[in-house]
Protein backbone atom coordinates (compact mmCIF):
# COMPACT_ATOMS: atom_id res chain seq x y z
CA UNK A 1 -28.64 12.59 -34.72
CA UNK A 2 -30.90 9.81 -33.49
CA UNK A 3 -32.23 9.31 -29.94
CA UNK A 4 -29.62 6.71 -28.97
CA UNK A 5 -26.75 9.04 -29.93
CA UNK A 6 -28.33 11.88 -27.92
CA UNK A 7 -28.60 9.64 -24.84
CA UNK A 8 -24.99 8.53 -25.16
CA UNK A 9 -23.77 12.06 -25.64
CA UNK A 10 -25.66 13.48 -22.65
CA UNK A 11 -24.45 10.74 -20.31
CA UNK A 12 -20.80 11.03 -21.38
CA UNK A 13 -20.75 14.84 -21.33
CA UNK A 14 -21.56 14.94 -17.62
CA UNK A 15 -18.77 16.37 -15.47
CA UNK A 16 -17.21 13.87 -13.08
CA UNK A 17 -18.40 13.95 -9.48
CA UNK A 18 -16.39 16.08 -7.12
CA UNK A 19 -14.50 14.18 -4.45
CA UNK A 20 -14.62 15.34 -0.86
CA UNK A 21 -10.93 14.61 -0.22
CA UNK A 22 -8.93 16.84 -2.51
CA UNK A 23 -5.23 16.07 -2.93
CA UNK A 24 -3.12 19.05 -1.96
CA UNK A 25 -0.73 18.83 -4.93
CA UNK A 26 -2.41 21.32 -7.23
CA UNK A 27 -3.23 24.14 -4.85
CA UNK A 28 -0.80 27.04 -4.78
CA UNK A 29 0.03 29.11 -1.73
CA UNK A 30 0.87 32.78 -1.41
CA UNK A 31 4.55 31.77 -1.42
CA UNK A 32 4.15 30.15 -4.85
CA UNK A 33 4.73 26.59 -3.64
CA UNK A 34 2.19 23.82 -3.84
CA UNK A 35 0.51 22.91 -0.57
CA UNK A 36 2.15 19.52 -0.20
CA UNK A 37 5.68 20.87 -0.70
CA UNK A 38 5.02 23.77 1.65
CA UNK A 39 3.62 21.40 4.27
CA UNK A 40 6.69 19.19 3.96
CA UNK A 41 9.05 22.14 4.37
CA UNK A 42 7.20 23.30 7.49
CA UNK A 43 8.72 20.44 9.47
CA UNK A 44 12.16 21.97 9.11
CA UNK A 45 11.94 24.16 12.22
CA UNK A 46 13.20 27.51 10.90
CA UNK A 47 11.19 27.22 7.69
CA UNK A 48 8.11 26.30 9.75
CA UNK A 49 8.54 29.53 11.71
CA UNK A 50 8.88 31.51 8.50
CA UNK A 51 5.74 29.95 7.00
CA UNK A 52 3.87 30.61 10.24
CA UNK A 53 4.47 34.35 9.87
CA UNK A 54 4.38 34.62 6.07
CA UNK A 55 1.45 32.39 5.09
CA UNK A 56 -1.81 34.02 6.10
CA UNK A 57 -4.37 32.40 3.77
CA UNK A 58 -3.62 28.73 3.30
CA UNK A 59 -4.98 26.64 6.19
CA UNK A 60 -3.02 23.51 5.24
CA UNK A 61 0.33 25.31 5.43
CA UNK A 62 -0.62 27.13 8.63
CA UNK A 63 -1.71 23.87 10.26
CA UNK A 64 1.56 22.10 9.49
CA UNK A 65 3.71 25.13 10.37
CA UNK A 66 2.03 25.56 13.74
CA UNK A 67 2.12 21.85 14.47
CA UNK A 68 5.83 21.73 13.61
CA UNK A 69 6.61 24.63 15.96
CA UNK A 70 4.61 23.07 18.80
CA UNK A 71 6.29 19.71 18.15
CA UNK A 72 9.76 21.30 18.31
CA UNK A 73 8.89 23.11 21.55
CA UNK A 74 7.58 19.87 23.08
CA UNK A 75 10.75 17.98 22.13
CA UNK A 76 12.89 20.80 23.54
CA UNK A 77 10.98 20.78 26.85
CA UNK A 78 11.21 16.99 27.10
CA UNK A 79 14.96 17.15 26.59
CA UNK A 80 15.29 19.76 29.36
CA UNK A 81 13.25 17.64 31.77
CA UNK A 82 15.29 14.55 30.90
CA UNK A 83 18.46 16.48 31.69
CA UNK A 84 17.42 16.70 35.34
CA UNK A 85 16.95 12.92 35.74
CA UNK A 86 20.38 11.45 36.62
CA UNK A 87 20.93 8.13 34.82
CA UNK A 88 17.68 7.27 33.09
CA UNK A 89 17.44 10.81 31.74
CA UNK A 90 20.84 10.56 30.04
CA UNK A 91 19.88 7.30 28.34
CA UNK A 92 16.47 8.66 27.31
CA UNK A 93 18.13 11.82 25.97
CA UNK A 94 20.25 9.67 23.68
CA UNK A 95 17.09 8.03 22.31
CA UNK A 96 15.19 11.30 21.97
CA UNK A 97 17.16 12.68 19.01
CA UNK A 98 16.67 9.69 16.66
CA UNK A 99 13.02 9.43 17.68
CA UNK A 100 12.49 13.14 17.00
CA UNK A 101 14.14 12.77 13.59
CA UNK A 102 11.92 9.79 12.75
CA UNK A 103 8.84 11.74 13.83
CA UNK A 104 9.90 14.71 11.71
CA UNK A 105 10.38 12.50 8.62
CA UNK A 106 7.01 10.81 9.22
CA UNK A 107 5.27 14.17 9.50
CA UNK A 108 7.01 15.40 6.34
CA UNK A 109 5.70 12.34 4.51
CA UNK A 110 2.15 12.89 5.80
CA UNK A 111 2.22 16.56 4.76
CA UNK A 112 3.56 15.68 1.31
CA UNK A 113 0.70 13.22 0.86
CA UNK A 114 -1.73 16.07 1.53
CA UNK A 115 -2.95 14.75 4.90
CA UNK A 116 -3.93 16.79 7.92
CA UNK A 117 -2.24 14.30 10.22
CA UNK A 118 -2.77 15.43 13.80
CA UNK A 119 -0.33 14.47 16.52
CA UNK A 120 -1.96 13.46 19.82
CA UNK A 121 -2.63 16.50 22.00
CA UNK A 122 -0.52 18.86 19.84
CA UNK A 123 -2.85 18.45 16.86
CA UNK A 124 -5.88 19.38 18.94
CA UNK A 125 -4.13 22.48 20.31
CA UNK A 126 -3.19 23.49 16.75
CA UNK A 127 -6.79 23.04 15.56
CA UNK A 128 -8.02 25.26 18.39
CA UNK A 129 -5.44 27.94 17.51
CA UNK A 130 -6.42 27.93 13.84
CA UNK A 131 -10.11 28.32 14.64
CA UNK A 132 -9.49 31.54 16.54
CA UNK A 133 -9.91 34.68 14.42
């Protein structure tokens, strides 16, 4: 083998550089699902609660499960408060359900893409909860 072939071989045999943003598709969880599918399922409220108690190791799943539970609690509290406002509250309550559904679908999409998409205020609270031992 001559020198030129050695140079070509050593430069092409190098492993590719590692990227800092890893897509969540390939990583498995303790439940056997991939991260992105588990994160998507977390935004269905009951399944989010189940993942919150079952998944102990995977931070991605825990983040989305906790954020989904906090989001559902916030929507529930907003609907209660709107129930006390006479006319405007009734109209806002009618708009709350489709908006909550749209938010849930958006968050499912973000989780499926492998993103740690943080909701304003709720995302920060979730981050603080996950950092506690």
